[in-house]
Amino acid sequence: MGRLSWRAVDDLGHLLELARLHIGDGWHVPFRTEPARTAPLTNTNRKGFGAAANILLALIGLLISAGPAVGHNTTDWITGLPREPIHVRAWPGEKKVAVCFVLYVEVWGFGHGPNFRPDTAARDPDVVDEAFRQYAIDWGIPRVGRVFQEQGLPLSIALNALFPEKHPDVWKQFRALFPKAPLIAHGINNSTELLPLGRGLDAQRAYIRRTLDLIEKDTGVRSRGWSSPSVYPNADTFTATAAEGISYTLDAMDSDVLSRLATKSGQLVLVPYPVVTVDMGQYLQRSRDPRDMERLWIDYVTELASDAAAYPDREATVVAIGIHPFVVGTPVGAAALRRVLEDFKKQRLVWVTDVEAVLEATSEKP
């Protein structure tokens, strides 16, 4: 059940009173165990019952129009820790849907990473898949940067800590396009050095600290955001990131609104990162091409905006969309991405922004 406005509450009370008058004290739902008495329906009470039915239908419509609940505190299903929504009526400019594109700038290493052709993966060398991965680094990352720069739109960067060292020229070229873009720590690399899951909280804290130290050494920025490498955290990860000074994470994939997790190390903001909007999984695992992603992203965000227009009292929503240079860094991928950005810029209720601007628009400072 959604949160009702005061006007809705007044309407609800009025409808209940009308229902009581029409039904009368003799007509009620028998909330008891003994059989209810049956009385003949006269013309008078038939009319009363019909009027009451109409009122009750209006009452049901009022309750449905309140929309789904976003206001209840809950226990997080992964960590078992207290979790509460962060209430946002609207984003700057009275926008209702915040969209944050997050480009994943990753290190896989030779012989590791996503395979475009699984049937060639056993070859040595696997020229096809190595070329697929290397093209994404050398050509895809700069191309994505240029698309966002040409559109005049911000971008968030999820960064493997080893990338600036392994690919200094690409990093320098790309960072020059977005010198102030938020750097979201994304682990050491995305293949051989993932989170040490199952080895305790201290081991994860040490890994996260090393990640943050490496990024700061090569970029001068101490990341305040986190996205687990290969999307593979566990319950300890949330507490460990908060303990190392992280204030927000993209490891939450189950909501349309910001929420706050009360970890043992402090508060952690969960930024919605829906699994269905991530391009790489759709592209490689479900054989969706960039035009499919174009339609998916536009439909996803447009539906959130349509909900907001139909139910203006509902909370403002946010979606972080994960993009990868394997997909949107090709010429066909960049063309699809450009059309998506152009569409979003025209939508009255949509705000294309970066993750930390979203937090700054609330009381949650990154």
Protein backbone atom coordinates (compact mmCIF):
# COMPACT_ATOMS: atom_id res chain seq x y z
CA MET A 1 0.00 0.00 0.00
CA GLY A 2 1.31 3.47 -0.85
CA ARG A 3 1.63 6.57 1.26
CA LEU A 4 -1.58 8.63 1.12
CA SER A 5 -1.55 12.42 0.92
CA TRP A 6 -3.57 14.38 3.48
CA ARG A 7 -6.14 15.10 0.79
CA ALA A 8 -6.44 11.38 0.09
CA VAL A 9 -6.88 10.71 3.80
CA ASP A 10 -9.70 13.29 3.94
CA ASP A 11 -11.33 11.69 0.90
CA LEU A 12 -10.99 8.29 2.51
CA GLY A 13 -12.75 9.45 5.66
CA HIS A 14 -15.53 11.06 3.64
CA LEU A 15 -16.10 7.87 1.64
CA LEU A 16 -16.24 5.77 4.77
CA GLU A 17 -18.83 8.07 6.31
CA LEU A 18 -20.96 7.97 3.15
CA ALA A 19 -20.73 4.19 3.12
CA ARG A 20 -21.90 4.04 6.75
CA LEU A 21 -24.90 6.28 6.00
CA HIS A 22 -25.96 4.31 2.92
CA ILE A 23 -25.42 0.88 4.37
CA GLY A 24 -26.89 1.71 7.74
CA ASP A 25 -26.09 0.20 11.08
CA GLY A 26 -27.89 -3.02 10.14
CA TRP A 27 -25.56 -3.79 7.24
CA HIS A 28 -22.04 -4.73 8.13
CA VAL A 29 -19.40 -7.32 7.42
CA PRO A 30 -19.75 -10.00 10.10
CA PHE A 31 -16.21 -10.18 11.56
CA ARG A 32 -17.13 -13.05 13.87
CA THR A 33 -17.13 -16.81 13.92
CA GLU A 34 -20.86 -17.49 14.18
CA PRO A 35 -22.91 -17.54 10.95
CA ALA A 36 -24.15 -14.15 9.85
CA ARG A 37 -27.92 -13.60 9.84
CA THR A 38 -29.52 -13.36 6.46
CA ALA A 39 -32.12 -10.64 5.90
CA PRO A 40 -34.31 -10.23 2.82
CA LEU A 41 -33.27 -7.48 0.45
CA THR A 42 -36.05 -4.90 0.22
CA ASN A 43 -36.11 -2.20 -2.44
CA THR A 44 -34.83 0.30 0.13
CA ASN A 45 -31.87 -1.71 1.28
CA ARG A 46 -31.11 -2.82 -2.27
CA LYS A 47 -30.67 0.85 -3.18
CA GLY A 48 -28.58 1.40 -0.08
CA PHE A 49 -26.44 -1.59 -0.85
CA GLY A 50 -25.93 -0.44 -4.48
CA ALA A 51 -24.93 3.05 -3.41
CA ALA A 52 -22.59 1.62 -0.81
CA ALA A 53 -21.04 -0.67 -3.39
CA ASN A 54 -20.32 2.30 -5.63
CA ILE A 55 -18.74 4.13 -2.72
CA LEU A 56 -16.62 1.13 -1.80
CA LEU A 57 -15.45 0.83 -5.42
CA ALA A 58 -14.41 4.47 -5.28
CA LEU A 59 -12.61 3.73 -2.02
CA ILE A 60 -10.70 0.85 -3.63
CA GLY A 61 -9.73 3.12 -6.52
CA LEU A 62 -8.45 5.71 -4.07
CA LEU A 63 -6.29 3.15 -2.32
CA ILE A 64 -4.91 1.78 -5.60
CA SER A 65 -4.06 5.27 -6.83
CA ALA A 66 -1.76 5.72 -3.87
CA GLY A 67 0.67 3.39 -5.65
CA PRO A 68 3.11 0.89 -4.19
CA ALA A 69 4.76 1.42 -0.85
CA VAL A 70 8.13 3.09 -0.62
CA GLY A 71 7.88 4.46 2.87
CA HIS A 72 8.36 1.43 5.08
CA ASN A 73 11.51 0.67 6.98
CA THR A 74 12.69 -2.88 6.36
CA THR A 75 15.44 -5.35 7.08
CA ASP A 76 17.80 -5.71 4.14
CA TRP A 77 17.50 -9.19 2.65
CA ILE A 78 21.24 -9.59 1.95
CA THR A 79 22.80 -8.24 5.13
CA GLY A 80 19.99 -8.56 7.66
CA LEU A 81 20.70 -4.95 8.65
CA PRO A 82 18.14 -2.14 9.07
CA ARG A 83 17.32 -0.39 5.81
CA GLU A 84 15.11 2.64 5.21
CA PRO A 85 14.11 4.62 2.12
CA ILE A 86 15.47 8.11 1.57
CA HIS A 87 12.44 10.24 0.79
CA VAL A 88 12.83 12.57 -2.18
CA ARG A 89 9.80 14.46 -3.48
CA ALA A 90 11.51 15.73 -6.63
CA TRP A 91 14.96 16.26 -8.10
CA PRO A 92 16.27 19.71 -9.12
CA GLY A 93 14.08 21.43 -11.68
CA GLU A 94 11.06 19.42 -10.47
CA LYS A 95 12.35 16.34 -12.29
CA LYS A 96 11.06 13.01 -11.02
CA VAL A 97 13.46 10.44 -12.55
CA ALA A 98 17.23 10.69 -12.09
CA VAL A 99 19.27 8.68 -14.60
CA CYS A 100 22.97 8.07 -13.94
CA PHE A 101 25.03 6.36 -16.61
CA VAL A 102 28.01 4.56 -15.10
CA LEU A 103 30.81 3.59 -17.49
CA TYR A 104 32.81 0.57 -16.31
CA VAL A 105 36.52 1.11 -16.97
CA GLU A 106 38.02 -2.29 -16.23
CA VAL A 107 41.13 -4.45 -16.33
CA TRP A 108 40.67 -8.09 -17.23
CA GLY A 109 44.14 -9.24 -18.21
CA PHE A 110 45.33 -11.39 -21.09
CA GLY A 111 43.34 -14.62 -21.28
CA HIS A 112 40.58 -13.29 -19.02
CA GLY A 113 37.35 -11.44 -19.51
CA PRO A 114 34.12 -11.61 -21.47
CA ASN A 115 34.06 -13.75 -24.58
CA PHE A 116 32.32 -12.59 -27.72
CA ARG A 117 32.87 -16.03 -29.26
CA PRO A 118 32.75 -18.77 -26.58
CA ASP A 119 33.56 -21.32 -29.29
CA THR A 120 37.03 -19.78 -29.71
CA ALA A 121 37.82 -19.40 -25.99
CA ALA A 122 39.90 -22.60 -25.87
CA ARG A 123 42.26 -21.41 -28.59
CA ASP A 124 45.79 -20.30 -27.69
CA PRO A 125 45.94 -17.50 -28.46
CA ASP A 126 42.24 -16.63 -28.61
CA VAL A 127 42.71 -13.81 -31.10
CA VAL A 128 38.98 -13.20 -31.53
CA ASP A 129 38.11 -12.58 -27.90
CA GLU A 130 41.38 -10.79 -27.07
CA ALA A 131 40.66 -8.39 -29.94
CA PHE A 132 37.10 -7.92 -28.67
CA ARG A 133 38.42 -6.90 -25.25
CA GLN A 134 41.32 -4.78 -26.48
CA TYR A 135 39.13 -2.84 -28.91
CA ALA A 136 36.88 -1.90 -26.00
CA ILE A 137 39.83 -0.40 -24.13
CA ASP A 138 41.64 1.38 -26.95
CA TRP A 139 38.66 2.58 -28.96
CA GLY A 140 35.50 1.99 -26.94
CA ILE A 141 36.28 3.97 -23.79
CA PRO A 142 37.32 7.18 -25.63
CA ARG A 143 34.33 6.89 -27.98
CA VAL A 144 31.84 6.66 -25.10
CA GLY A 145 33.48 9.70 -23.52
CA ARG A 146 33.09 11.69 -26.72
CA VAL A 147 29.38 10.80 -27.02
CA PHE A 148 28.63 12.15 -23.55
CA GLN A 149 30.79 15.23 -24.13
CA GLU A 150 29.03 15.98 -27.42
CA GLN A 151 25.65 15.64 -25.69
CA GLY A 152 26.76 17.89 -22.84
CA LEU A 153 25.78 15.28 -20.27
CA PRO A 154 27.61 14.02 -17.16
CA LEU A 155 29.00 10.55 -16.65
CA SER A 156 30.02 8.49 -13.63
CA ILE A 157 33.07 6.21 -13.84
CA ALA A 158 33.41 2.81 -12.14
CA LEU A 159 37.16 2.25 -12.10
CA ASN A 160 39.27 -0.85 -11.55
CA ALA A 161 42.22 0.36 -9.48
CA LEU A 162 44.83 -1.10 -11.86
CA PHE A 163 43.47 0.57 -15.00
CA PRO A 164 45.37 3.91 -14.86
CA GLU A 165 48.65 2.02 -14.37
CA LYS A 166 48.00 -0.62 -17.04
CA HIS A 167 46.59 1.76 -19.66
CA PRO A 168 48.00 5.23 -18.84
CA ASP A 169 47.49 6.77 -22.29
CA VAL A 170 43.87 5.69 -22.59
CA TRP A 171 43.17 6.81 -19.04
CA LYS A 172 44.76 10.23 -19.57
CA GLN A 173 42.81 10.80 -22.78
CA PHE A 174 39.51 9.70 -21.26
CA ARG A 175 39.92 11.51 -17.93
CA ALA A 176 40.65 14.75 -19.78
CA LEU A 177 37.10 14.61 -21.15
CA PHE A 178 35.59 14.30 -17.66
CA PRO A 179 38.08 15.61 -15.12
CA LYS A 180 35.45 16.02 -12.39
CA ALA A 181 33.38 12.88 -13.00
CA PRO A 182 32.85 10.78 -9.85
CA LEU A 183 35.24 7.84 -9.58
CA ILE A 184 33.45 4.84 -8.13
CA ALA A 185 35.91 2.26 -6.80
CA HIS A 186 35.43 -1.05 -8.63
CA GLY A 187 38.00 -3.30 -6.99
CA ILE A 188 41.56 -4.13 -8.08
CA ASN A 189 40.68 -5.78 -11.38
CA ASN A 190 37.72 -7.67 -12.79
CA SER A 191 39.09 -11.18 -13.09
CA THR A 192 41.95 -12.41 -10.92
CA GLU A 193 41.77 -10.03 -7.96
CA LEU A 194 38.20 -9.94 -6.75
CA LEU A 195 36.88 -9.41 -3.24
CA PRO A 196 38.17 -12.01 -0.74
CA LEU A 197 34.74 -13.36 0.06
CA GLY A 198 34.50 -15.86 2.87
CA ARG A 199 37.73 -14.72 4.51
CA GLY A 200 36.18 -12.38 7.03
CA LEU A 201 35.51 -8.68 7.46
CA ASP A 202 39.15 -7.67 8.01
CA ALA A 203 40.27 -9.25 4.72
CA GLN A 204 37.58 -7.35 2.82
CA ARG A 205 38.49 -4.10 4.56
CA ALA A 206 42.13 -4.56 3.55
CA TYR A 207 41.14 -5.24 -0.07
CA ILE A 208 38.87 -2.19 -0.20
CA ARG A 209 41.56 -0.01 1.41
CA ARG A 210 44.10 -1.16 -1.15
CA THR A 211 41.67 -0.38 -3.96
CA LEU A 212 41.06 3.13 -2.65
CA ASP A 213 44.78 3.73 -2.10
CA LEU A 214 45.69 2.69 -5.64
CA ILE A 215 42.99 4.86 -7.21
CA GLU A 216 44.04 7.83 -5.11
CA LYS A 217 47.72 7.33 -6.01
CA ASP A 218 47.04 7.41 -9.75
CA THR A 219 44.17 9.90 -9.91
CA GLY A 220 44.45 12.11 -6.82
CA VAL A 221 40.86 11.20 -5.88
CA ARG A 222 39.76 9.21 -2.82
CA SER A 223 36.66 7.42 -4.03
CA ARG A 224 33.50 7.72 -1.94
CA GLY A 225 31.48 5.23 -3.96
CA TRP A 226 31.78 1.48 -4.43
CA SER A 227 30.74 -1.12 -7.02
CA SER A 228 31.97 -4.65 -6.33
CA PRO A 229 34.09 -6.16 -9.12
CA SER A 230 32.19 -8.67 -11.22
CA VAL A 231 29.07 -7.69 -9.21
CA TYR A 232 30.12 -10.15 -6.51
CA PRO A 233 29.77 -8.87 -2.94
CA ASN A 234 28.46 -10.62 0.16
CA ALA A 235 26.89 -9.42 3.41
CA ASP A 236 30.28 -8.40 4.87
CA THR A 237 31.06 -6.16 1.90
CA PHE A 238 28.53 -3.49 2.91
CA THR A 239 29.94 -3.15 6.43
CA ALA A 240 33.53 -3.28 5.14
CA THR A 241 32.99 -0.51 2.59
CA ALA A 242 31.36 1.75 5.17
CA ALA A 243 34.25 1.09 7.56
CA GLU A 244 36.72 2.27 4.90
CA GLY A 245 34.94 5.58 4.34
CA ILE A 246 32.68 4.63 1.43
CA SER A 247 29.40 6.56 1.64
CA TYR A 248 27.41 4.97 -1.22
CA THR A 249 27.34 1.71 -3.16
CA LEU A 250 25.92 0.39 -6.42
CA ASP A 251 25.67 -3.14 -5.03
CA ALA A 252 21.92 -2.69 -4.45
CA MET A 253 19.93 -3.98 -7.43
CA ASP A 254 16.40 -4.25 -6.04
CA SER A 255 14.77 -0.80 -5.86
CA ASP A 256 13.65 2.33 -7.71
CA VAL A 257 14.52 4.72 -4.86
CA LEU A 258 17.55 5.58 -2.76
CA SER A 259 17.78 3.84 0.59
CA ARG A 260 20.03 3.95 3.63
CA LEU A 261 21.62 0.87 5.18
CA ALA A 262 22.61 1.01 8.86
CA THR A 263 25.83 -1.04 8.94
CA LYS A 264 27.88 -1.70 12.06
CA SER A 265 30.45 0.74 10.65
CA GLY A 266 28.04 3.55 9.80
CA GLN A 267 25.42 4.58 7.28
CA LEU A 268 25.70 3.49 3.64
CA VAL A 269 23.50 4.85 0.84
CA LEU A 270 22.23 2.23 -1.62
CA VAL A 271 21.91 3.59 -5.16
CA PRO A 272 19.57 1.49 -7.37
CA TYR A 273 21.52 -0.40 -10.02
CA PRO A 274 18.97 -2.67 -11.74
CA VAL A 275 20.39 -5.84 -13.19
CA VAL A 276 18.10 -5.68 -16.24
CA THR A 277 19.52 -2.34 -17.39
CA VAL A 278 23.18 -3.44 -17.44
CA ASP A 279 24.25 -3.67 -21.07
CA MET A 280 26.94 -6.36 -20.86
CA GLY A 281 24.71 -9.08 -19.40
CA GLN A 282 22.00 -8.35 -21.94
CA TYR A 283 24.51 -8.25 -24.80
CA LEU A 284 26.61 -11.33 -24.02
CA GLN A 285 24.23 -13.59 -22.10
CA ARG A 286 20.93 -12.76 -23.77
CA SER A 287 22.17 -11.84 -27.27
CA ARG A 288 20.68 -8.35 -27.23
CA ASP A 289 22.23 -5.94 -29.71
CA PRO A 290 22.67 -2.18 -29.08
CA ARG A 291 19.31 -1.37 -30.69
CA ASP A 292 17.67 -3.74 -28.22
CA MET A 293 19.41 -1.89 -25.38
CA GLU A 294 18.27 1.42 -26.84
CA ARG A 295 14.64 0.29 -26.72
CA LEU A 296 15.06 -1.24 -23.26
CA TRP A 297 16.60 1.90 -21.72
CA ILE A 298 14.06 4.24 -23.28
CA ASP A 299 11.14 2.06 -22.22
CA TYR A 300 12.51 1.62 -18.70
CA VAL A 301 13.03 5.32 -18.03
CA THR A 302 9.91 6.46 -19.90
CA GLU A 303 7.77 4.13 -17.79
CA LEU A 304 9.24 5.59 -14.58
CA ALA A 305 8.46 9.06 -15.91
CA SER A 306 4.92 8.02 -16.87
CA ASP A 307 4.36 6.68 -13.35
CA ALA A 308 5.59 9.97 -11.94
CA ALA A 309 3.24 11.97 -14.18
CA ALA A 310 0.25 9.79 -13.29
CA TYR A 311 1.00 9.76 -9.54
CA PRO A 312 2.77 13.05 -8.74
CA ASP A 313 2.67 12.41 -4.98
CA ARG A 314 4.96 9.39 -5.34
CA GLU A 315 8.64 9.52 -4.46
CA ALA A 316 11.20 10.61 -7.05
CA THR A 317 13.07 7.64 -8.51
CA VAL A 318 16.65 6.99 -9.60
CA VAL A 319 18.34 4.43 -11.82
CA ALA A 320 22.07 3.88 -12.30
CA ILE A 321 22.59 2.30 -15.71
CA GLY A 322 25.78 0.28 -16.12
CA ILE A 323 27.42 0.60 -19.54
CA HIS A 324 30.53 -1.10 -20.91
CA PRO A 325 32.82 -0.20 -23.82
CA PHE A 326 32.38 -3.72 -25.27
CA VAL A 327 28.79 -2.76 -26.03
CA VAL A 328 28.33 1.02 -26.32
CA GLY A 329 31.93 1.71 -27.35
CA THR A 330 31.54 0.21 -30.82
CA PRO A 331 30.27 2.50 -33.60
CA VAL A 332 26.85 0.82 -33.62
CA GLY A 333 26.72 0.91 -29.82
CA ALA A 334 27.64 4.58 -29.68
CA ALA A 335 24.95 5.41 -32.25
CA ALA A 336 22.31 3.68 -30.10
CA LEU A 337 23.59 5.38 -26.95
CA ARG A 338 23.44 8.80 -28.61
CA ARG A 339 19.79 8.27 -29.54
CA VAL A 340 19.00 7.28 -25.95
CA LEU A 341 20.63 10.41 -24.55
CA GLU A 342 18.83 12.61 -27.07
CA ASP A 343 15.52 11.03 -26.05
CA PHE A 344 16.14 11.54 -22.34
CA LYS A 345 17.09 15.18 -22.85
CA LYS A 346 13.63 15.79 -24.34
CA GLN A 347 11.70 14.17 -21.49
CA ARG A 348 10.23 16.75 -19.12
CA LEU A 349 10.57 14.69 -15.93
CA VAL A 350 13.95 13.04 -16.61
CA TRP A 351 17.23 14.32 -15.17
CA VAL A 352 20.41 12.83 -16.66
CA THR A 353 23.09 13.37 -14.06
CA ASP A 354 25.88 11.65 -12.15
CA VAL A 355 25.64 9.58 -9.00
CA GLU A 356 27.17 12.11 -6.64
CA ALA A 357 24.93 14.92 -7.94
CA VAL A 358 21.99 12.74 -6.92
CA LEU A 359 23.32 12.44 -3.38
CA GLU A 360 24.07 16.17 -3.23
CA ALA A 361 20.43 16.83 -4.18
CA THR A 362 19.45 15.06 -0.95
CA SER A 363 20.94 15.49 2.49
CA GLU A 364 23.28 12.57 1.76
CA LYS A 365 26.65 14.15 0.99
CA PRO A 366 29.06 11.88 -0.93
